[in-house]
């Protein structure tokens, strides 16, 4: 399907250059916003996924339904074998309470947390606790976990072997780890510990941890808006090549002004969270800005 030809045929204004535009995407005025003169609805021409840069709730995968909302005739939509009936909503209001984060104990006051960070090869665990505002809970469901703040809520990394879940998150689909060095370069890794390792040893990069095996729309939006000059994607060594290649292409489509590259882990370690500070510095020092 050629979306641009389809939109031209039905007199729907679109653009693929300028603000809010990404490579291999076509933008239209968001039909779900009351008034959108700046073409915030971005549609991936390959996958049909759509996302509104003004309102993150206006997103989804049901291209047929979106075309119907744009008043494309049902007969035309059916000719492309697209389903125009409303599907399951991809976004629901987040009603969880994240305010309790401020009542947790600073991790620098916990011997258990300091010992755990030292076991994870952080040479100055107290400084790491302060830098990333790490917390612990002395009792309750979060006891025994290192609590790491995210952009929304937090994730708790188990510090005790009997805890079944390594990570237990209290967040939404928009939550991810971010540490801002105000750099012109960004590096994206799998988890918060990986990103903490990088951000604690260099200010060369702004650090992003997906905290899940996916690039969330909120993370892509943040990268798009920052307009980095370079973006490095560094998945764990266990991530299949096909998934990595798809992620990298997605990043290139959103970070149109950036040089997007893949940082492949060497045989010495699976990820940054399992590497020493010295090895992390060595790997990052050759990347440039």
C-alpha atoms as a PDB file:
ATOM      1  CA  UNK A   1       0.000   0.000   0.000  1.00  0.00           C
ATOM      2  CA  UNK A   2       1.281   3.428  -0.963  1.00  0.00           C
ATOM      3  CA  UNK A   3      -0.112   5.654   1.771  1.00  0.00           C
ATOM      4  CA  UNK A   4       0.893   8.879   0.063  1.00  0.00           C
ATOM      5  CA  UNK A   5      -0.959   7.983  -3.123  1.00  0.00           C
ATOM      6  CA  UNK A   6      -3.944   6.852  -1.066  1.00  0.00           C
ATOM      7  CA  UNK A   7      -4.024  10.135   0.839  1.00  0.00           C
ATOM      8  CA  UNK A   8      -3.643  12.159  -2.365  1.00  0.00           C
ATOM      9  CA  UNK A   9      -6.538  10.266  -3.911  1.00  0.00           C
ATOM     10  CA  UNK A  10      -8.809  11.088  -0.974  1.00  0.00           C
ATOM     11  CA  UNK A  11      -7.538  14.656  -0.487  1.00  0.00           C
ATOM     12  CA  UNK A  12      -5.898  14.071   2.878  1.00  0.00           C
ATOM     13  CA  UNK A  13      -2.987  16.418   3.509  1.00  0.00           C
ATOM     14  CA  UNK A  14       0.268  14.750   4.534  1.00  0.00           C
ATOM     15  CA  UNK A  15       3.967  15.467   4.832  1.00  0.00           C
ATOM     16  CA  UNK A  16       7.153  13.444   5.185  1.00  0.00           C
ATOM     17  CA  UNK A  17       9.673  16.215   5.872  1.00  0.00           C
ATOM     18  CA  UNK A  18      10.154  18.774   8.593  1.00  0.00           C
ATOM     19  CA  UNK A  19       9.200  18.829  12.271  1.00  0.00           C
ATOM     20  CA  UNK A  20       7.713  15.622  13.713  1.00  0.00           C
ATOM     21  CA  UNK A  21       8.652  13.642  10.578  1.00  0.00           C
ATOM     22  CA  UNK A  22      10.722  10.473  10.556  1.00  0.00           C
ATOM     23  CA  UNK A  23      12.274   8.388   7.819  1.00  0.00           C
ATOM     24  CA  UNK A  24       9.872   5.836   6.242  1.00  0.00           C
ATOM     25  CA  UNK A  25       6.924   7.517   7.945  1.00  0.00           C
ATOM     26  CA  UNK A  26       4.142   9.704   6.609  1.00  0.00           C
ATOM     27  CA  UNK A  27       2.485  12.288   8.845  1.00  0.00           C
ATOM     28  CA  UNK A  28      -1.100  13.517   8.845  1.00  0.00           C
ATOM     29  CA  UNK A  29      -3.100  15.782  11.130  1.00  0.00           C
ATOM     30  CA  UNK A  30      -4.082  13.534  14.020  1.00  0.00           C
ATOM     31  CA  UNK A  31      -7.796  12.731  13.528  1.00  0.00           C
ATOM     32  CA  UNK A  32      -8.105  11.939  17.252  1.00  0.00           C
ATOM     33  CA  UNK A  33      -6.930  15.385  18.367  1.00  0.00           C
ATOM     34  CA  UNK A  34      -9.490  18.184  18.150  1.00  0.00           C
ATOM     35  CA  UNK A  35      -7.149  20.421  16.189  1.00  0.00           C
ATOM     36  CA  UNK A  36      -3.746  19.436  14.869  1.00  0.00           C
ATOM     37  CA  UNK A  37      -2.247  21.863  12.350  1.00  0.00           C
ATOM     38  CA  UNK A  38       1.252  20.414  12.817  1.00  0.00           C
ATOM     39  CA  UNK A  39       0.687  16.858  11.522  1.00  0.00           C
ATOM     40  CA  UNK A  40       1.516  15.016  14.737  1.00  0.00           C
ATOM     41  CA  UNK A  41       0.163  11.603  13.652  1.00  0.00           C
ATOM     42  CA  UNK A  42       3.112   9.586  12.318  1.00  0.00           C
ATOM     43  CA  UNK A  43       2.383   6.379  10.381  1.00  0.00           C
ATOM     44  CA  UNK A  44       5.054   3.778   9.696  1.00  0.00           C
ATOM     45  CA  UNK A  45       4.786   3.014   5.977  1.00  0.00           C
ATOM     46  CA  UNK A  46       6.170  -0.518   6.441  1.00  0.00           C
ATOM     47  CA  UNK A  47       4.286  -1.763   9.500  1.00  0.00           C
ATOM     48  CA  UNK A  48       1.181   0.450   9.615  1.00  0.00           C
ATOM     49  CA  UNK A  49       1.855   1.369  13.242  1.00  0.00           C
ATOM     50  CA  UNK A  50       0.839   4.907  14.126  1.00  0.00           C
ATOM     51  CA  UNK A  51       1.698   7.278  16.952  1.00  0.00           C
ATOM     52  CA  UNK A  52       0.697  10.827  17.821  1.00  0.00           C
ATOM     53  CA  UNK A  53       3.573  12.986  19.058  1.00  0.00           C
ATOM     54  CA  UNK A  54       1.096  15.309  20.765  1.00  0.00           C
ATOM     55  CA  UNK A  55      -0.917  12.679  22.658  1.00  0.00           C
ATOM     56  CA  UNK A  56       0.729   9.268  23.353  1.00  0.00           C
ATOM     57  CA  UNK A  57      -2.704   7.670  23.878  1.00  0.00           C
ATOM     58  CA  UNK A  58      -3.374   8.088  20.148  1.00  0.00           C
ATOM     59  CA  UNK A  59      -1.353   5.080  18.992  1.00  0.00           C
ATOM     60  CA  UNK A  60      -1.920   1.592  17.712  1.00  0.00           C
ATOM     61  CA  UNK A  61      -1.459  -1.077  15.048  1.00  0.00           C
ATOM     62  CA  UNK A  62      -4.908  -1.185  13.435  1.00  0.00           C
ATOM     63  CA  UNK A  63      -4.201   0.809  10.281  1.00  0.00           C
ATOM     64  CA  UNK A  64      -7.579  -0.053   8.767  1.00  0.00           C
ATOM     65  CA  UNK A  65      -9.371   1.524  11.706  1.00  0.00           C
ATOM     66  CA  UNK A  66      -7.213   4.660  11.465  1.00  0.00           C
ATOM     67  CA  UNK A  67      -7.961   4.980   7.741  1.00  0.00           C
ATOM     68  CA  UNK A  68     -11.664   4.709   8.549  1.00  0.00           C
ATOM     69  CA  UNK A  69     -11.324   7.537  11.083  1.00  0.00           C
ATOM     70  CA  UNK A  70      -9.604   9.536   8.326  1.00  0.00           C
ATOM     71  CA  UNK A  71     -12.782   8.949   6.271  1.00  0.00           C
ATOM     72  CA  UNK A  72     -11.266   6.634   3.690  1.00  0.00           C
ATOM     73  CA  UNK A  73     -14.190   4.598   2.212  1.00  0.00           C
ATOM     74  CA  UNK A  74     -14.768   1.130   3.666  1.00  0.00           C
ATOM     75  CA  UNK A  75     -14.621  -0.389   0.166  1.00  0.00           C
ATOM     76  CA  UNK A  76     -11.099   0.982  -0.351  1.00  0.00           C
ATOM     77  CA  UNK A  77      -9.931  -0.251   3.048  1.00  0.00           C
ATOM     78  CA  UNK A  78     -11.362  -3.729   2.395  1.00  0.00           C
ATOM     79  CA  UNK A  79      -9.502  -3.894  -0.943  1.00  0.00           C
ATOM     80  CA  UNK A  80      -6.240  -3.834   1.013  1.00  0.00           C
ATOM     81  CA  UNK A  81      -7.464  -6.641   3.333  1.00  0.00           C
ATOM     82  CA  UNK A  82      -7.377  -4.302   6.313  1.00  0.00           C
ATOM     83  CA  UNK A  83      -9.665  -4.618   9.289  1.00  0.00           C
ATOM     84  CA  UNK A  84     -11.435  -1.331   9.996  1.00  0.00           C
ATOM     85  CA  UNK A  85     -13.265  -2.426  13.136  1.00  0.00           C
ATOM     86  CA  UNK A  86     -11.958  -0.989  16.421  1.00  0.00           C
ATOM     87  CA  UNK A  87      -9.490  -3.372  18.024  1.00  0.00           C
ATOM     88  CA  UNK A  88      -8.332  -3.709  21.583  1.00  0.00           C
ATOM     89  CA  UNK A  89      -7.071  -0.389  22.871  1.00  0.00           C
ATOM     90  CA  UNK A  90      -3.308  -0.197  23.008  1.00  0.00           C
ATOM     91  CA  UNK A  91      -3.358   2.407  25.782  1.00  0.00           C
ATOM     92  CA  UNK A  92      -5.344   2.786  28.973  1.00  0.00           C
ATOM     93  CA  UNK A  93      -5.100   5.532  31.590  1.00  0.00           C
ATOM     94  CA  UNK A  94      -2.472   4.779  34.222  1.00  0.00           C
ATOM     95  CA  UNK A  95      -4.114   4.945  37.639  1.00  0.00           C
ATOM     96  CA  UNK A  96      -1.258   3.521  39.703  1.00  0.00           C
ATOM     97  CA  UNK A  97       0.182   5.545  42.566  1.00  0.00           C
ATOM     98  CA  UNK A  98       3.910   6.246  42.282  1.00  0.00           C
ATOM     99  CA  UNK A  99       4.107   8.682  45.203  1.00  0.00           C
ATOM    100  CA  UNK A 100       5.349   6.073  47.682  1.00  0.00           C
ATOM    101  CA  UNK A 101       8.807   6.207  46.080  1.00  0.00           C
ATOM    102  CA  UNK A 102       9.667   9.187  48.272  1.00  0.00           C
ATOM    103  CA  UNK A 103       9.013   7.159  51.432  1.00  0.00           C
ATOM    104  CA  UNK A 104      11.600   4.462  50.676  1.00  0.00           C
ATOM    105  CA  UNK A 105      14.972   4.553  52.427  1.00  0.00           C
ATOM    106  CA  UNK A 106      18.001   5.976  50.574  1.00  0.00           C
ATOM    107  CA  UNK A 107      20.073   3.004  49.407  1.00  0.00           C
ATOM    108  CA  UNK A 108      23.302   4.613  50.631  1.00  0.00           C
ATOM    109  CA  UNK A 109      22.065   3.896  54.187  1.00  0.00           C
ATOM    110  CA  UNK A 110      21.706   0.165  53.472  1.00  0.00           C
ATOM    111  CA  UNK A 111      24.680  -2.157  53.944  1.00  0.00           C
ATOM    112  CA  UNK A 112      22.860  -4.748  51.852  1.00  0.00           C
ATOM    113  CA  UNK A 113      22.455  -2.335  48.924  1.00  0.00           C
ATOM    114  CA  UNK A 114      26.079  -1.181  49.126  1.00  0.00           C
ATOM    115  CA  UNK A 115      27.312  -4.770  49.198  1.00  0.00           C
ATOM    116  CA  UNK A 116      25.108  -5.648  46.230  1.00  0.00           C
ATOM    117  CA  UNK A 117      26.389  -2.737  44.155  1.00  0.00           C
ATOM    118  CA  UNK A 118      29.946  -3.678  45.034  1.00  0.00           C
ATOM    119  CA  UNK A 119      29.227  -7.227  43.860  1.00  0.00           C
ATOM    120  CA  UNK A 120      28.025  -5.680  40.584  1.00  0.00           C
ATOM    121  CA  UNK A 121      31.489  -4.099  40.193  1.00  0.00           C
ATOM    122  CA  UNK A 122      30.606  -0.516  41.155  1.00  0.00           C
ATOM    123  CA  UNK A 123      33.741   0.818  42.839  1.00  0.00           C
ATOM    124  CA  UNK A 124      31.970   3.687  44.647  1.00  0.00           C
ATOM    125  CA  UNK A 125      28.542   2.329  45.624  1.00  0.00           C
ATOM    126  CA  UNK A 126      27.596   5.274  47.846  1.00  0.00           C
ATOM    127  CA  UNK A 127      28.180   7.737  45.034  1.00  0.00           C
ATOM    128  CA  UNK A 128      26.157   5.509  42.691  1.00  0.00           C
ATOM    129  CA  UNK A 129      23.270   5.526  45.168  1.00  0.00           C
ATOM    130  CA  UNK A 130      23.291   9.316  45.282  1.00  0.00           C
ATOM    131  CA  UNK A 131      23.773   9.777  41.531  1.00  0.00           C
ATOM    132  CA  UNK A 132      20.752   7.657  40.599  1.00  0.00           C
ATOM    133  CA  UNK A 133      18.628   8.288  43.712  1.00  0.00           C
ATOM    134  CA  UNK A 134      18.533   4.576  44.539  1.00  0.00           C
ATOM    135  CA  UNK A 135      16.253   3.349  47.321  1.00  0.00           C
ATOM    136  CA  UNK A 136      15.482   0.307  49.439  1.00  0.00           C
ATOM    137  CA  UNK A 137      12.543  -0.815  51.534  1.00  0.00           C
ATOM    138  CA  UNK A 138      13.129  -2.206  55.010  1.00  0.00           C
ATOM    139  CA  UNK A 139       9.912  -4.231  54.901  1.00  0.00           C
ATOM    140  CA  UNK A 140       6.990  -5.172  52.682  1.00  0.00           C
ATOM    141  CA  UNK A 141       6.856  -6.379  49.092  1.00  0.00           C
ATOM    142  CA  UNK A 142       9.911  -4.350  48.028  1.00  0.00           C
ATOM    143  CA  UNK A 143      12.220  -5.561  50.781  1.00  0.00           C
ATOM    144  CA  UNK A 144      15.399  -7.146  49.461  1.00  0.00           C
ATOM    145  CA  UNK A 145      15.300  -5.195  46.211  1.00  0.00           C
ATOM    146  CA  UNK A 146      17.376  -2.300  44.943  1.00  0.00           C
ATOM    147  CA  UNK A 147      14.767   0.256  43.889  1.00  0.00           C
ATOM    148  CA  UNK A 148      15.779   2.159  40.759  1.00  0.00           C
ATOM    149  CA  UNK A 149      13.653   5.181  39.726  1.00  0.00           C
ATOM    150  CA  UNK A 150      12.380   5.224  36.131  1.00  0.00           C
ATOM    151  CA  UNK A 151      10.761   7.980  34.102  1.00  0.00           C
ATOM    152  CA  UNK A 152       7.485   6.551  35.431  1.00  0.00           C
ATOM    153  CA  UNK A 153       7.610   4.679  38.732  1.00  0.00           C
ATOM    154  CA  UNK A 154      10.475   2.331  39.482  1.00  0.00           C
ATOM    155  CA  UNK A 155      11.933  -1.140  39.043  1.00  0.00           C
ATOM    156  CA  UNK A 156      13.225  -3.291  41.895  1.00  0.00           C
ATOM    157  CA  UNK A 157      16.284  -5.506  41.291  1.00  0.00           C
ATOM    158  CA  UNK A 158      16.454  -8.507  43.623  1.00  0.00           C
ATOM    159  CA  UNK A 159      19.443  -8.551  45.969  1.00  0.00           C
ATOM    160  CA  UNK A 160      18.486 -11.851  47.618  1.00  0.00           C
ATOM    161  CA  UNK A 161      18.770 -15.250  45.950  1.00  0.00           C
ATOM    162  CA  UNK A 162      15.387 -16.546  47.169  1.00  0.00           C
ATOM    163  CA  UNK A 163      13.445 -13.825  45.328  1.00  0.00           C
ATOM    164  CA  UNK A 164      12.103 -15.466  42.167  1.00  0.00           C
ATOM    165  CA  UNK A 165      11.749 -12.374  39.987  1.00  0.00           C
ATOM    166  CA  UNK A 166      15.064 -10.677  39.232  1.00  0.00           C
ATOM    167  CA  UNK A 167      13.233  -7.463  38.335  1.00  0.00           C
ATOM    168  CA  UNK A 168       9.871  -6.406  39.693  1.00  0.00           C
ATOM    169  CA  UNK A 169       8.560  -3.218  38.117  1.00  0.00           C
ATOM    170  CA  UNK A 170       6.010  -0.699  39.320  1.00  0.00           C
ATOM    171  CA  UNK A 171       5.660   1.363  36.174  1.00  0.00           C
ATOM    172  CA  UNK A 172       3.615   1.820  32.995  1.00  0.00           C
ATOM    173  CA  UNK A 173       4.289   1.163  29.322  1.00  0.00           C
ATOM    174  CA  UNK A 174       5.920   4.616  29.257  1.00  0.00           C
ATOM    175  CA  UNK A 175       8.489   3.842  31.954  1.00  0.00           C
ATOM    176  CA  UNK A 176      12.181   3.449  31.169  1.00  0.00           C
ATOM    177  CA  UNK A 177      15.508   4.368  32.771  1.00  0.00           C
ATOM    178  CA  UNK A 178      17.142   7.631  31.714  1.00  0.00           C
ATOM    179  CA  UNK A 179      20.171   9.530  32.922  1.00  0.00           C
ATOM    180  CA  UNK A 180      20.846  12.862  31.270  1.00  0.00           C
ATOM    181  CA  UNK A 181      24.407  14.141  30.820  1.00  0.00           C
ATOM    182  CA  UNK A 182      23.163  16.711  28.264  1.00  0.00           C
ATOM    183  CA  UNK A 183      25.276  14.982  25.653  1.00  0.00           C
ATOM    184  CA  UNK A 184      24.853  15.026  21.884  1.00  0.00           C
ATOM    185  CA  UNK A 185      25.109  11.228  21.908  1.00  0.00           C
ATOM    186  CA  UNK A 186      22.863   8.574  23.422  1.00  0.00           C
ATOM    187  CA  UNK A 187      23.331   4.898  24.136  1.00  0.00           C
ATOM    188  CA  UNK A 188      20.426   2.476  24.590  1.00  0.00           C
ATOM    189  CA  UNK A 189      20.878  -0.703  26.607  1.00  0.00           C
ATOM    190  CA  UNK A 190      18.582  -3.397  27.944  1.00  0.00           C
ATOM    191  CA  UNK A 191      18.358  -2.706  31.663  1.00  0.00           C
ATOM    192  CA  UNK A 192      18.778  -0.044  34.309  1.00  0.00           C
ATOM    193  CA  UNK A 193      21.954  -1.590  35.770  1.00  0.00           C
ATOM    194  CA  UNK A 194      23.557  -1.531  32.308  1.00  0.00           C
ATOM    195  CA  UNK A 195      22.667   2.142  31.878  1.00  0.00           C
ATOM    196  CA  UNK A 196      23.856   2.970  35.396  1.00  0.00           C
ATOM    197  CA  UNK A 197      27.222   1.385  34.669  1.00  0.00           C
ATOM    198  CA  UNK A 198      27.691   3.603  31.601  1.00  0.00           C
ATOM    199  CA  UNK A 199      26.407   6.804  33.199  1.00  0.00           C
ATOM    200  CA  UNK A 200      28.579   6.309  36.281  1.00  0.00           C
ATOM    201  CA  UNK A 201      31.869   6.107  34.360  1.00  0.00           C
ATOM    202  CA  UNK A 202      31.431   8.661  31.560  1.00  0.00           C
ATOM    203  CA  UNK A 203      29.439  11.728  30.578  1.00  0.00           C
ATOM    204  CA  UNK A 204      30.009  10.955  26.905  1.00  0.00           C
ATOM    205  CA  UNK A 205      26.473   9.607  26.489  1.00  0.00           C
ATOM    206  CA  UNK A 206      22.965  10.131  27.759  1.00  0.00           C
ATOM    207  CA  UNK A 207      22.002   6.691  29.027  1.00  0.00           C
ATOM    208  CA  UNK A 208      18.731   4.892  28.306  1.00  0.00           C
ATOM    209  CA  UNK A 209      17.681   1.524  29.707  1.00  0.00           C
ATOM    210  CA  UNK A 210      14.666  -0.052  28.031  1.00  0.00           C
ATOM    211  CA  UNK A 211      13.820  -2.070  31.172  1.00  0.00           C
ATOM    212  CA  UNK A 212      12.033  -4.517  28.915  1.00  0.00           C
ATOM    213  CA  UNK A 213      12.694  -6.188  25.617  1.00  0.00           C
ATOM    214  CA  UNK A 214      11.157  -3.412  23.536  1.00  0.00           C
ATOM    215  CA  UNK A 215      11.541   0.172  22.381  1.00  0.00           C
ATOM    216  CA  UNK A 216       8.503   1.867  23.875  1.00  0.00           C
ATOM    217  CA  UNK A 217       6.742   4.737  22.069  1.00  0.00           C
ATOM    218  CA  UNK A 218       7.664   7.039  24.972  1.00  0.00           C
ATOM    219  CA  UNK A 219      11.363   6.187  24.606  1.00  0.00           C
ATOM    220  CA  UNK A 220      11.240   6.700  20.839  1.00  0.00           C
ATOM    221  CA  UNK A 221       9.516  10.039  21.338  1.00  0.00           C
ATOM    222  CA  UNK A 222      12.199  11.161  23.803  1.00  0.00           C
ATOM    223  CA  UNK A 223      14.971  10.236  21.372  1.00  0.00           C
ATOM    224  CA  UNK A 224      13.173  11.965  18.513  1.00  0.00           C
ATOM    225  CA  UNK A 225      12.726  15.191  20.470  1.00  0.00           C
ATOM    226  CA  UNK A 226      16.329  15.341  21.744  1.00  0.00           C
ATOM    227  CA  UNK A 227      17.708  15.314  18.163  1.00  0.00           C
ATOM    228  CA  UNK A 228      20.939  13.523  19.046  1.00  0.00           C
ATOM    229  CA  UNK A 229      23.846  13.568  16.621  1.00  0.00           C
ATOM    230  CA  UNK A 230      24.597   9.910  17.319  1.00  0.00           C
ATOM    231  CA  UNK A 231      22.614   7.051  18.841  1.00  0.00           C
ATOM    232  CA  UNK A 232      24.170   3.713  19.750  1.00  0.00           C
ATOM    233  CA  UNK A 233      21.957   0.656  20.188  1.00  0.00           C
ATOM    234  CA  UNK A 234      23.594  -1.934  22.454  1.00  0.00           C
ATOM    235  CA  UNK A 235      21.347  -4.951  23.108  1.00  0.00           C
ATOM    236  CA  UNK A 236      22.445  -7.858  25.276  1.00  0.00           C
ATOM    237  CA  UNK A 237      24.570 -10.468  23.564  1.00  0.00           C
ATOM    238  CA  UNK A 238      21.662 -12.921  23.782  1.00  0.00           C
ATOM    239  CA  UNK A 239      19.334 -10.782  21.625  1.00  0.00           C
ATOM    240  CA  UNK A 240      18.764 -12.377  18.181  1.00  0.00           C
ATOM    241  CA  UNK A 241      20.280 -10.510  15.252  1.00  0.00           C
ATOM    242  CA  UNK A 242      16.893 -10.195  13.524  1.00  0.00           C
ATOM    243  CA  UNK A 243      15.432  -8.379  16.524  1.00  0.00           C
ATOM    244  CA  UNK A 244      18.430  -6.100  16.804  1.00  0.00           C
ATOM    245  CA  UNK A 245      18.274  -5.184  13.105  1.00  0.00           C
ATOM    246  CA  UNK A 246      14.571  -4.329  13.407  1.00  0.00           C
ATOM    247  CA  UNK A 247      15.275  -2.161  16.462  1.00  0.00           C
ATOM    248  CA  UNK A 248      18.072  -0.330  14.704  1.00  0.00           C
ATOM    249  CA  UNK A 249      15.892   0.394  11.668  1.00  0.00           C
ATOM    250  CA  UNK A 250      13.147   1.669  13.977  1.00  0.00           C
ATOM    251  CA  UNK A 251      15.632   3.982  15.689  1.00  0.00           C
ATOM    252  CA  UNK A 252      16.821   5.273  12.329  1.00  0.00           C
ATOM    253  CA  UNK A 253      13.255   6.077  11.320  1.00  0.00           C
ATOM    254  CA  UNK A 254      12.685   8.178  14.463  1.00  0.00           C
ATOM    255  CA  UNK A 255      16.154   9.680  14.950  1.00  0.00           C
ATOM    256  CA  UNK A 256      16.386  11.146  11.479  1.00  0.00           C
ATOM    257  CA  UNK A 257      19.212  13.573  12.283  1.00  0.00           C
ATOM    258  CA  UNK A 258      21.313  11.016  14.146  1.00  0.00           C
ATOM    259  CA  UNK A 259      23.945   8.576  13.044  1.00  0.00           C
ATOM    260  CA  UNK A 260      22.397   5.373  14.443  1.00  0.00           C
ATOM    261  CA  UNK A 261      24.845   2.537  15.014  1.00  0.00           C
ATOM    262  CA  UNK A 262      24.904  -0.911  16.540  1.00  0.00           C
ATOM    263  CA  UNK A 263      27.308  -1.638  19.388  1.00  0.00           C
ATOM    264  CA  UNK A 264      27.844  -5.385  19.480  1.00  0.00           C
ATOM    265  CA  UNK A 265      28.988  -6.901  22.743  1.00  0.00           C
ATOM    266  CA  UNK A 266      32.322  -8.705  22.617  1.00  0.00           C
ATOM    267  CA  UNK A 267      32.972 -12.208  23.850  1.00  0.00           C
ATOM    268  CA  UNK A 268      34.341 -10.874  27.149  1.00  0.00           C
ATOM    269  CA  UNK A 269      30.907  -9.978  28.502  1.00  0.00           C
ATOM    270  CA  UNK A 270      27.213 -10.295  27.763  1.00  0.00           C
ATOM    271  CA  UNK A 271      26.274  -6.731  28.674  1.00  0.00           C
ATOM    272  CA  UNK A 272      27.558  -3.631  30.443  1.00  0.00           C
ATOM    273  CA  UNK A 273      25.976  -4.664  33.731  1.00  0.00           C
ATOM    274  CA  UNK A 274      28.285  -7.685  33.825  1.00  0.00           C
ATOM    275  CA  UNK A 275      31.425  -5.769  32.883  1.00  0.00           C
ATOM    276  CA  UNK A 276      33.928  -3.914  35.002  1.00  0.00           C
ATOM    277  CA  UNK A 277      34.169  -0.141  35.045  1.00  0.00           C
ATOM    278  CA  UNK A 278      37.576  -0.304  33.359  1.00  0.00           C
ATOM    279  CA  UNK A 279      36.289  -2.470  30.516  1.00  0.00           C
ATOM    280  CA  UNK A 280      33.248  -0.237  30.100  1.00  0.00           C
ATOM    281  CA  UNK A 281      35.483   2.828  29.762  1.00  0.00           C
ATOM    282  CA  UNK A 282      37.653   0.971  27.276  1.00  0.00           C
ATOM    283  CA  UNK A 283      34.703   0.006  25.076  1.00  0.00           C
ATOM    284  CA  UNK A 284      33.082   3.448  25.166  1.00  0.00           C
ATOM    285  CA  UNK A 285      36.285   5.427  24.653  1.00  0.00           C
ATOM    286  CA  UNK A 286      36.629   4.246  21.060  1.00  0.00           C
ATOM    287  CA  UNK A 287      33.081   5.162  20.025  1.00  0.00           C
ATOM    288  CA  UNK A 288      33.518   8.928  19.763  1.00  0.00           C
ATOM    289  CA  UNK A 289      30.697  11.445  20.117  1.00  0.00           C
END
